[in-house]
């Protein structure tokens, strides 16, 4: 159990991350994930395929001795596969002590989005298309689709790897 000073440090760290998102692109769409889940950003590495996993789970990588499953976010969203290039990145996120790499077209920047500038996604496709979108962040005249990392990972087999 943390003492009051340790708890204050934890609370302050969480406050500094509140409303901050790492943004990335898939094609022409801009996405964001809460920075509190991001542990690092790396280039695409050699991926070892694992049989009988869904197609969007590309396999596993060895990141400094830790085995991490990698998910192609394009494929997860039902988009067409795009060959990886020097702009392709793997965003390593950590949720509930599980690390997963998210393969994205490219990483943009870390931005702050105030709570009042985040709205719920439109309810157009009951249950399907928007199930991984937690909110829509308004940034100037543009929008960022804010992902629900927990749903992205807990929706199926990933937590059982």
N, C-alpha and C. Protein backbone atom coordinates (compact mmCIF):
# COMPACT_ATOMS: atom_id res chain seq x y z
N UNK A 1 0.85 -1.19 0.00
CA UNK A 1 0.00 0.00 0.00
C UNK A 1 0.89 1.24 0.00
N UNK A 2 0.72 2.16 -1.00
CA UNK A 2 1.57 3.34 -1.03
C UNK A 2 1.24 4.29 0.12
N UNK A 3 2.31 4.96 0.64
CA UNK A 3 2.03 5.98 1.66
C UNK A 3 1.49 7.22 0.98
N UNK A 4 1.15 8.24 1.74
CA UNK A 4 0.48 9.41 1.16
C UNK A 4 1.36 10.14 0.14
N UNK A 5 2.69 10.20 0.38
CA UNK A 5 3.57 10.84 -0.60
C UNK A 5 3.64 10.05 -1.89
N UNK A 6 3.73 8.71 -1.79
CA UNK A 6 3.77 7.88 -2.98
C UNK A 6 2.46 7.99 -3.75
N UNK A 7 1.34 8.00 -3.04
CA UNK A 7 0.04 8.13 -3.70
C UNK A 7 -0.06 9.47 -4.43
N UNK A 8 0.47 10.52 -3.82
CA UNK A 8 0.46 11.85 -4.44
C UNK A 8 1.25 11.82 -5.75
N UNK A 9 2.42 11.14 -5.74
CA UNK A 9 3.21 11.02 -6.97
C UNK A 9 2.44 10.26 -8.05
N UNK A 10 1.79 9.17 -7.67
CA UNK A 10 0.99 8.38 -8.62
C UNK A 10 -0.14 9.24 -9.18
N UNK A 11 -0.86 9.95 -8.29
CA UNK A 11 -1.97 10.80 -8.73
C UNK A 11 -1.48 11.89 -9.67
N UNK A 12 -0.34 12.52 -9.36
CA UNK A 12 0.19 13.59 -10.21
C UNK A 12 0.59 13.05 -11.57
N UNK A 13 1.20 11.86 -11.61
CA UNK A 13 1.60 11.28 -12.89
C UNK A 13 0.36 11.01 -13.74
N UNK A 14 -0.70 10.49 -13.12
CA UNK A 14 -1.93 10.23 -13.87
C UNK A 14 -2.55 11.53 -14.36
N UNK A 15 -2.47 12.59 -13.53
CA UNK A 15 -3.02 13.88 -13.94
C UNK A 15 -2.28 14.43 -15.16
N UNK A 16 -0.95 14.28 -15.19
CA UNK A 16 -0.20 14.83 -16.32
C UNK A 16 -0.49 14.08 -17.61
N UNK A 17 -0.97 12.83 -17.52
CA UNK A 17 -1.28 12.05 -18.71
C UNK A 17 -2.74 12.20 -19.12
N UNK A 18 -3.57 12.74 -18.27
CA UNK A 18 -4.99 12.86 -18.56
C UNK A 18 -5.20 13.79 -19.75
N UNK A 19 -6.00 13.33 -20.69
CA UNK A 19 -6.29 14.15 -21.87
C UNK A 19 -5.18 14.17 -22.90
N UNK A 20 -4.15 13.33 -22.73
CA UNK A 20 -3.04 13.28 -23.69
C UNK A 20 -3.15 11.99 -24.51
N UNK A 21 -2.97 12.14 -25.81
CA UNK A 21 -3.15 11.02 -26.73
C UNK A 21 -1.99 10.96 -27.71
N UNK A 22 -1.54 9.73 -28.00
CA UNK A 22 -0.58 9.51 -29.06
C UNK A 22 -1.41 9.33 -30.32
N UNK A 23 -1.13 10.15 -31.34
CA UNK A 23 -1.92 10.06 -32.57
C UNK A 23 -1.12 9.32 -33.65
N UNK A 24 -1.86 8.62 -34.49
CA UNK A 24 -1.26 7.87 -35.58
C UNK A 24 -2.26 7.80 -36.72
N UNK A 25 -1.78 7.36 -37.87
CA UNK A 25 -2.67 7.28 -39.03
C UNK A 25 -2.74 5.86 -39.57
N UNK A 26 -3.90 5.58 -40.16
CA UNK A 26 -4.12 4.39 -40.98
C UNK A 26 -4.74 4.94 -42.25
N UNK A 27 -3.97 4.96 -43.32
CA UNK A 27 -4.47 5.59 -44.54
C UNK A 27 -4.68 7.07 -44.29
N UNK A 28 -5.89 7.55 -44.59
CA UNK A 28 -6.18 8.98 -44.40
C UNK A 28 -6.85 9.27 -43.06
N UNK A 29 -7.10 8.23 -42.26
CA UNK A 29 -7.79 8.43 -40.98
C UNK A 29 -6.79 8.64 -39.85
N UNK A 30 -7.12 9.56 -38.96
CA UNK A 30 -6.27 9.86 -37.81
C UNK A 30 -6.89 9.28 -36.55
N UNK A 31 -6.07 8.58 -35.77
CA UNK A 31 -6.52 7.93 -34.55
C UNK A 31 -5.70 8.44 -33.37
N UNK A 32 -6.22 8.18 -32.18
CA UNK A 32 -5.47 8.50 -30.97
C UNK A 32 -5.69 7.43 -29.93
N UNK A 33 -4.64 7.17 -29.14
CA UNK A 33 -4.79 6.29 -27.99
C UNK A 33 -4.23 7.01 -26.77
N UNK A 34 -4.85 6.74 -25.63
CA UNK A 34 -4.43 7.40 -24.41
C UNK A 34 -2.96 7.09 -24.13
N UNK A 35 -2.20 8.14 -23.87
CA UNK A 35 -0.76 8.00 -23.67
C UNK A 35 -0.44 7.12 -22.47
N UNK A 36 -1.36 7.03 -21.52
CA UNK A 36 -1.07 6.23 -20.32
C UNK A 36 -0.87 4.74 -20.63
N UNK A 37 -1.38 4.28 -21.78
CA UNK A 37 -1.21 2.88 -22.16
C UNK A 37 0.07 2.62 -22.94
N UNK A 38 0.68 3.67 -23.49
CA UNK A 38 1.83 3.52 -24.39
C UNK A 38 3.12 3.35 -23.58
N UNK A 39 3.86 2.27 -23.88
CA UNK A 39 5.14 2.10 -23.21
C UNK A 39 6.30 2.50 -24.11
N UNK A 40 6.17 2.26 -25.42
CA UNK A 40 7.21 2.70 -26.35
C UNK A 40 6.72 2.58 -27.79
N UNK A 41 7.51 3.19 -28.68
CA UNK A 41 7.23 3.13 -30.12
C UNK A 41 8.50 2.61 -30.77
N UNK A 42 8.35 1.56 -31.59
CA UNK A 42 9.51 0.97 -32.25
C UNK A 42 9.20 0.79 -33.74
N UNK A 43 10.25 0.56 -34.50
CA UNK A 43 10.05 0.22 -35.91
C UNK A 43 9.61 -1.22 -36.02
N UNK A 44 9.13 -1.59 -37.19
CA UNK A 44 8.70 -2.98 -37.41
C UNK A 44 9.92 -3.88 -37.34
N UNK A 45 9.79 -4.96 -36.60
CA UNK A 45 10.87 -5.93 -36.45
C UNK A 45 10.45 -7.24 -37.10
N UNK A 46 11.36 -8.19 -37.05
CA UNK A 46 11.03 -9.51 -37.58
C UNK A 46 9.90 -10.11 -36.74
N UNK A 47 8.84 -10.51 -37.42
CA UNK A 47 7.66 -11.05 -36.75
C UNK A 47 7.63 -12.56 -36.99
N UNK A 48 7.49 -13.32 -35.90
CA UNK A 48 7.37 -14.77 -36.00
C UNK A 48 5.89 -15.11 -36.03
N UNK A 49 5.47 -15.77 -37.10
CA UNK A 49 4.06 -16.15 -37.22
C UNK A 49 3.72 -17.26 -36.23
N UNK A 50 2.50 -17.20 -35.71
CA UNK A 50 2.01 -18.24 -34.80
C UNK A 50 0.75 -18.81 -35.46
N UNK A 51 0.71 -20.14 -35.66
CA UNK A 51 -0.45 -20.73 -36.33
C UNK A 51 -1.74 -20.57 -35.54
N UNK A 52 -2.84 -20.58 -36.28
CA UNK A 52 -4.19 -20.59 -35.73
C UNK A 52 -4.58 -19.36 -34.94
N UNK A 53 -3.97 -18.22 -35.26
CA UNK A 53 -4.40 -16.95 -34.67
C UNK A 53 -5.20 -16.20 -35.72
N UNK A 54 -6.05 -15.26 -35.29
CA UNK A 54 -6.78 -14.46 -36.28
C UNK A 54 -5.79 -13.74 -37.21
N UNK A 55 -6.20 -13.47 -38.43
CA UNK A 55 -5.33 -12.86 -39.43
C UNK A 55 -4.74 -11.53 -39.02
N UNK A 56 -5.43 -10.77 -38.19
CA UNK A 56 -4.92 -9.45 -37.80
C UNK A 56 -3.83 -9.55 -36.73
N UNK A 57 -3.69 -10.73 -36.08
CA UNK A 57 -2.56 -10.93 -35.17
C UNK A 57 -1.43 -11.46 -36.05
N UNK A 58 -0.47 -10.61 -36.34
CA UNK A 58 0.58 -10.96 -37.30
C UNK A 58 1.56 -11.98 -36.74
N UNK A 59 1.64 -12.08 -35.41
CA UNK A 59 2.55 -13.03 -34.79
C UNK A 59 3.11 -12.44 -33.51
N UNK A 60 4.37 -12.79 -33.22
CA UNK A 60 5.01 -12.30 -32.00
C UNK A 60 6.38 -11.72 -32.34
N UNK A 61 6.85 -10.82 -31.48
CA UNK A 61 8.21 -10.29 -31.61
C UNK A 61 8.91 -10.49 -30.28
N UNK A 62 10.23 -10.49 -30.34
CA UNK A 62 11.06 -10.58 -29.14
C UNK A 62 11.60 -9.18 -28.90
N UNK A 63 11.06 -8.51 -27.89
CA UNK A 63 11.47 -7.15 -27.57
C UNK A 63 12.31 -7.18 -26.29
N UNK A 64 13.62 -7.17 -26.49
CA UNK A 64 14.56 -7.23 -25.36
C UNK A 64 14.25 -8.38 -24.41
N UNK A 65 13.98 -9.54 -24.98
CA UNK A 65 13.75 -10.73 -24.18
C UNK A 65 12.30 -10.96 -23.78
N UNK A 66 11.42 -10.01 -24.06
CA UNK A 66 10.00 -10.17 -23.74
C UNK A 66 9.24 -10.49 -25.02
N UNK A 67 8.45 -11.56 -24.99
CA UNK A 67 7.68 -11.96 -26.17
C UNK A 67 6.36 -11.18 -26.18
N UNK A 68 6.12 -10.48 -27.28
CA UNK A 68 4.95 -9.60 -27.39
C UNK A 68 4.17 -9.94 -28.66
N UNK A 69 2.86 -10.20 -28.53
CA UNK A 69 2.05 -10.38 -29.74
C UNK A 69 1.88 -9.03 -30.46
N UNK A 70 1.84 -9.07 -31.79
CA UNK A 70 1.65 -7.84 -32.56
C UNK A 70 0.39 -7.95 -33.41
N UNK A 71 -0.38 -6.88 -33.38
CA UNK A 71 -1.65 -6.80 -34.09
C UNK A 71 -1.54 -5.72 -35.17
N UNK A 72 -1.93 -6.06 -36.38
CA UNK A 72 -2.00 -5.06 -37.45
C UNK A 72 -3.35 -4.37 -37.30
N UNK A 73 -3.32 -3.11 -36.89
CA UNK A 73 -4.58 -2.39 -36.61
C UNK A 73 -5.41 -2.23 -37.88
N UNK A 74 -4.74 -2.07 -39.03
CA UNK A 74 -5.47 -2.00 -40.31
C UNK A 74 -6.35 -3.23 -40.49
N UNK A 75 -5.75 -4.41 -40.29
CA UNK A 75 -6.49 -5.66 -40.49
C UNK A 75 -7.56 -5.82 -39.41
N UNK A 76 -7.26 -5.37 -38.19
CA UNK A 76 -8.23 -5.45 -37.09
C UNK A 76 -9.50 -4.69 -37.45
N UNK A 77 -9.33 -3.58 -38.17
CA UNK A 77 -10.47 -2.74 -38.56
C UNK A 77 -11.05 -3.15 -39.90
N UNK A 78 -10.60 -4.28 -40.45
CA UNK A 78 -11.17 -4.76 -41.71
C UNK A 78 -10.69 -4.01 -42.93
N UNK A 79 -9.56 -3.31 -42.81
CA UNK A 79 -9.00 -2.59 -43.96
C UNK A 79 -8.06 -3.52 -44.72
N UNK A 80 -7.68 -3.07 -45.90
CA UNK A 80 -6.78 -3.85 -46.74
C UNK A 80 -5.36 -3.82 -46.17
N UNK A 81 -4.64 -4.94 -46.29
CA UNK A 81 -3.25 -5.00 -45.84
C UNK A 81 -2.41 -4.04 -46.66
N UNK A 82 -1.48 -3.38 -46.00
CA UNK A 82 -0.54 -2.48 -46.69
C UNK A 82 0.86 -2.93 -46.31
N UNK A 83 1.73 -3.08 -47.32
CA UNK A 83 3.12 -3.49 -47.05
C UNK A 83 3.74 -2.52 -46.05
N UNK A 84 4.55 -3.05 -45.15
CA UNK A 84 5.23 -2.22 -44.16
C UNK A 84 6.39 -1.50 -44.82
N UNK A 85 6.63 -0.26 -44.37
CA UNK A 85 7.74 0.53 -44.90
C UNK A 85 8.46 1.23 -43.76
N UNK A 86 9.34 2.17 -44.09
CA UNK A 86 10.13 2.82 -43.04
C UNK A 86 9.30 3.76 -42.16
N UNK A 87 8.07 4.06 -42.55
CA UNK A 87 7.18 4.89 -41.72
C UNK A 87 6.31 4.03 -40.79
N UNK A 88 6.19 2.75 -41.10
CA UNK A 88 5.37 1.84 -40.29
C UNK A 88 5.98 1.73 -38.89
N UNK A 89 5.13 1.81 -37.88
CA UNK A 89 5.60 1.74 -36.49
C UNK A 89 4.81 0.70 -35.72
N UNK A 90 5.42 0.26 -34.63
CA UNK A 90 4.74 -0.61 -33.67
C UNK A 90 4.62 0.19 -32.38
N UNK A 91 3.39 0.44 -31.97
CA UNK A 91 3.15 1.12 -30.71
C UNK A 91 2.94 0.02 -29.67
N UNK A 92 3.85 -0.04 -28.71
CA UNK A 92 3.73 -1.06 -27.66
C UNK A 92 2.89 -0.47 -26.54
N UNK A 93 1.77 -1.15 -26.27
CA UNK A 93 0.89 -0.70 -25.20
C UNK A 93 0.83 -1.76 -24.11
N UNK A 94 0.48 -1.32 -22.93
CA UNK A 94 0.39 -2.22 -21.79
C UNK A 94 -0.96 -2.02 -21.14
N UNK A 95 -1.75 -3.08 -21.11
CA UNK A 95 -3.08 -3.03 -20.48
C UNK A 95 -3.20 -4.23 -19.57
N UNK A 96 -3.53 -3.97 -18.32
CA UNK A 96 -3.70 -5.05 -17.33
C UNK A 96 -2.49 -5.98 -17.34
N UNK A 97 -1.29 -5.39 -17.37
CA UNK A 97 -0.02 -6.12 -17.34
C UNK A 97 0.20 -7.01 -18.56
N UNK A 98 -0.48 -6.73 -19.65
CA UNK A 98 -0.27 -7.46 -20.90
C UNK A 98 0.24 -6.46 -21.93
N UNK A 99 1.38 -6.78 -22.53
CA UNK A 99 1.95 -5.91 -23.56
C UNK A 99 1.56 -6.44 -24.93
N UNK A 100 1.17 -5.53 -25.81
CA UNK A 100 0.80 -5.88 -27.18
C UNK A 100 1.36 -4.78 -28.08
N UNK A 101 1.84 -5.18 -29.25
CA UNK A 101 2.31 -4.22 -30.24
C UNK A 101 1.21 -3.95 -31.26
N UNK A 102 0.95 -2.67 -31.51
CA UNK A 102 -0.05 -2.28 -32.52
C UNK A 102 0.70 -1.75 -33.74
N UNK A 103 0.54 -2.42 -34.87
CA UNK A 103 1.20 -1.98 -36.10
C UNK A 103 0.33 -0.93 -36.77
N UNK A 104 0.89 0.27 -36.99
CA UNK A 104 0.15 1.38 -37.60
C UNK A 104 0.96 1.95 -38.76
N UNK A 105 0.30 2.67 -39.65
CA UNK A 105 0.98 3.23 -40.82
C UNK A 105 2.10 4.19 -40.42
N UNK A 106 1.79 5.11 -39.54
CA UNK A 106 2.83 5.97 -38.98
C UNK A 106 2.31 6.71 -37.75
N UNK A 107 3.24 7.06 -36.88
CA UNK A 107 2.90 7.79 -35.66
C UNK A 107 3.02 9.28 -35.95
N UNK A 108 2.06 10.06 -35.45
CA UNK A 108 2.08 11.49 -35.72
C UNK A 108 2.70 12.27 -34.57
N UNK A 109 1.95 12.42 -33.47
CA UNK A 109 2.43 13.25 -32.36
C UNK A 109 1.62 12.95 -31.10
N UNK A 110 2.07 13.51 -29.99
CA UNK A 110 1.30 13.45 -28.76
C UNK A 110 0.56 14.78 -28.64
N UNK A 111 -0.75 14.71 -28.45
CA UNK A 111 -1.54 15.94 -28.34
C UNK A 111 -2.41 15.87 -27.09
N UNK A 112 -2.83 17.04 -26.67
CA UNK A 112 -3.78 17.13 -25.56
C UNK A 112 -5.15 17.45 -26.14
N UNK A 113 -6.15 16.74 -25.66
CA UNK A 113 -7.53 17.02 -26.06
C UNK A 113 -8.33 17.17 -24.78
N UNK A 114 -8.91 18.33 -24.61
CA UNK A 114 -9.71 18.59 -23.41
C UNK A 114 -10.97 17.74 -23.43
N UNK A 115 -11.44 17.40 -22.24
CA UNK A 115 -12.62 16.54 -22.11
C UNK A 115 -13.83 17.10 -22.87
N UNK A 116 -13.98 18.43 -22.84
CA UNK A 116 -15.14 19.03 -23.52
C UNK A 116 -15.04 18.96 -25.04
N UNK A 117 -13.84 18.62 -25.56
CA UNK A 117 -13.65 18.49 -27.01
C UNK A 117 -13.73 17.03 -27.47
N UNK A 118 -14.17 16.14 -26.58
CA UNK A 118 -14.33 14.73 -26.94
C UNK A 118 -15.82 14.40 -26.89
N UNK A 119 -16.32 13.87 -28.01
CA UNK A 119 -17.74 13.52 -28.09
C UNK A 119 -17.86 12.02 -28.36
N UNK A 120 -19.02 11.47 -28.05
CA UNK A 120 -19.27 10.05 -28.31
C UNK A 120 -19.34 9.82 -29.82
N UNK A 121 -18.92 8.64 -30.27
CA UNK A 121 -19.01 8.35 -31.70
C UNK A 121 -20.47 8.22 -32.12
N UNK A 122 -20.78 8.57 -33.37
CA UNK A 122 -22.16 8.43 -33.83
C UNK A 122 -22.57 6.97 -33.80
N UNK A 123 -23.81 6.71 -33.52
CA UNK A 123 -24.32 5.35 -33.38
C UNK A 123 -24.89 4.88 -34.71
N UNK A 124 -24.01 4.78 -35.74
CA UNK A 124 -24.48 4.43 -37.08
C UNK A 124 -24.57 2.93 -37.31
N UNK A 125 -23.56 2.22 -36.85
CA UNK A 125 -23.48 0.77 -37.07
C UNK A 125 -23.65 0.05 -35.75
N UNK A 126 -24.82 -0.22 -35.37
CA UNK A 126 -25.07 -0.85 -34.07
C UNK A 126 -24.14 -2.05 -33.88
N UNK A 127 -23.22 -1.93 -32.91
CA UNK A 127 -22.39 -3.05 -32.53
C UNK A 127 -21.16 -3.32 -33.37
N UNK A 128 -21.06 -2.84 -34.60
CA UNK A 128 -19.88 -3.23 -35.37
C UNK A 128 -18.88 -2.10 -35.49
N UNK A 129 -18.87 -1.36 -36.59
CA UNK A 129 -17.82 -0.42 -36.93
C UNK A 129 -17.25 0.46 -35.84
N UNK A 130 -18.03 0.87 -34.88
CA UNK A 130 -17.54 1.79 -33.87
C UNK A 130 -17.18 1.14 -32.55
N UNK A 131 -17.14 -0.18 -32.48
CA UNK A 131 -16.97 -0.80 -31.17
C UNK A 131 -15.60 -0.55 -30.55
N UNK A 132 -14.60 -0.18 -31.34
CA UNK A 132 -13.28 0.11 -30.79
C UNK A 132 -13.04 1.61 -30.63
N UNK A 133 -14.01 2.41 -31.03
CA UNK A 133 -13.88 3.86 -30.93
C UNK A 133 -14.56 4.33 -29.65
N UNK A 134 -13.76 4.90 -28.76
CA UNK A 134 -14.27 5.36 -27.46
C UNK A 134 -14.86 6.76 -27.56
N UNK A 135 -14.28 7.57 -28.43
CA UNK A 135 -14.75 8.94 -28.57
C UNK A 135 -14.13 9.56 -29.81
N UNK A 136 -14.60 10.77 -30.12
CA UNK A 136 -14.06 11.52 -31.24
C UNK A 136 -13.53 12.83 -30.67
N UNK A 137 -12.23 13.04 -30.87
CA UNK A 137 -11.61 14.26 -30.37
C UNK A 137 -11.61 15.33 -31.45
N UNK A 138 -12.10 16.51 -31.07
CA UNK A 138 -12.10 17.64 -32.01
C UNK A 138 -10.82 18.44 -31.78
N UNK A 139 -9.99 18.50 -32.83
CA UNK A 139 -8.71 19.20 -32.76
C UNK A 139 -8.70 20.22 -33.89
N UNK A 140 -9.02 21.48 -33.55
CA UNK A 140 -9.16 22.50 -34.59
C UNK A 140 -10.30 22.11 -35.52
N UNK A 141 -10.02 22.07 -36.82
CA UNK A 141 -11.06 21.68 -37.78
C UNK A 141 -11.01 20.19 -38.11
N UNK A 142 -10.09 19.46 -37.45
CA UNK A 142 -9.93 18.04 -37.73
C UNK A 142 -10.49 17.21 -36.58
N UNK A 143 -10.64 15.91 -36.83
CA UNK A 143 -11.09 14.99 -35.78
C UNK A 143 -10.10 13.84 -35.67
N UNK A 144 -9.98 13.31 -34.47
CA UNK A 144 -9.17 12.12 -34.20
C UNK A 144 -10.10 11.08 -33.61
N UNK A 145 -10.06 9.88 -34.16
CA UNK A 145 -10.87 8.78 -33.64
C UNK A 145 -10.10 8.19 -32.46
N UNK A 146 -10.66 8.29 -31.27
CA UNK A 146 -9.97 7.85 -30.07
C UNK A 146 -10.33 6.40 -29.75
N UNK A 147 -9.31 5.55 -29.71
CA UNK A 147 -9.53 4.12 -29.55
C UNK A 147 -9.73 3.73 -28.10
N UNK A 148 -10.52 2.70 -27.91
CA UNK A 148 -10.70 2.08 -26.61
C UNK A 148 -9.73 0.90 -26.56
N UNK A 149 -8.56 1.12 -25.99
CA UNK A 149 -7.51 0.08 -25.98
C UNK A 149 -7.98 -1.20 -25.31
N UNK A 150 -8.74 -1.08 -24.25
CA UNK A 150 -9.19 -2.28 -23.54
C UNK A 150 -10.06 -3.15 -24.45
N UNK A 151 -11.00 -2.53 -25.19
CA UNK A 151 -11.85 -3.31 -26.09
C UNK A 151 -11.04 -3.91 -27.23
N UNK A 152 -10.07 -3.15 -27.71
CA UNK A 152 -9.22 -3.61 -28.80
C UNK A 152 -8.52 -4.91 -28.41
N UNK A 153 -8.14 -5.02 -27.14
CA UNK A 153 -7.38 -6.19 -26.68
C UNK A 153 -8.23 -7.25 -26.01
N UNK A 154 -9.31 -6.87 -25.35
CA UNK A 154 -10.07 -7.85 -24.57
C UNK A 154 -11.22 -8.44 -25.36
N UNK A 155 -11.40 -8.01 -26.59
CA UNK A 155 -12.53 -8.46 -27.38
C UNK A 155 -12.45 -9.93 -27.75
N UNK A 156 -11.25 -10.49 -27.74
CA UNK A 156 -11.15 -11.90 -28.13
C UNK A 156 -9.88 -12.55 -27.60
N UNK A 157 -9.18 -13.26 -28.46
CA UNK A 157 -8.10 -14.15 -28.07
C UNK A 157 -6.85 -13.48 -27.52
N UNK A 158 -6.68 -12.19 -27.67
CA UNK A 158 -5.40 -11.58 -27.35
C UNK A 158 -5.00 -11.80 -25.89
N UNK A 159 -5.95 -11.66 -24.99
CA UNK A 159 -5.60 -11.80 -23.58
C UNK A 159 -5.29 -13.24 -23.21
N UNK A 160 -5.57 -14.18 -24.10
CA UNK A 160 -5.26 -15.57 -23.77
C UNK A 160 -3.98 -16.07 -24.43
N UNK A 161 -3.25 -15.19 -25.11
CA UNK A 161 -1.98 -15.61 -25.76
C UNK A 161 -0.96 -16.02 -24.72
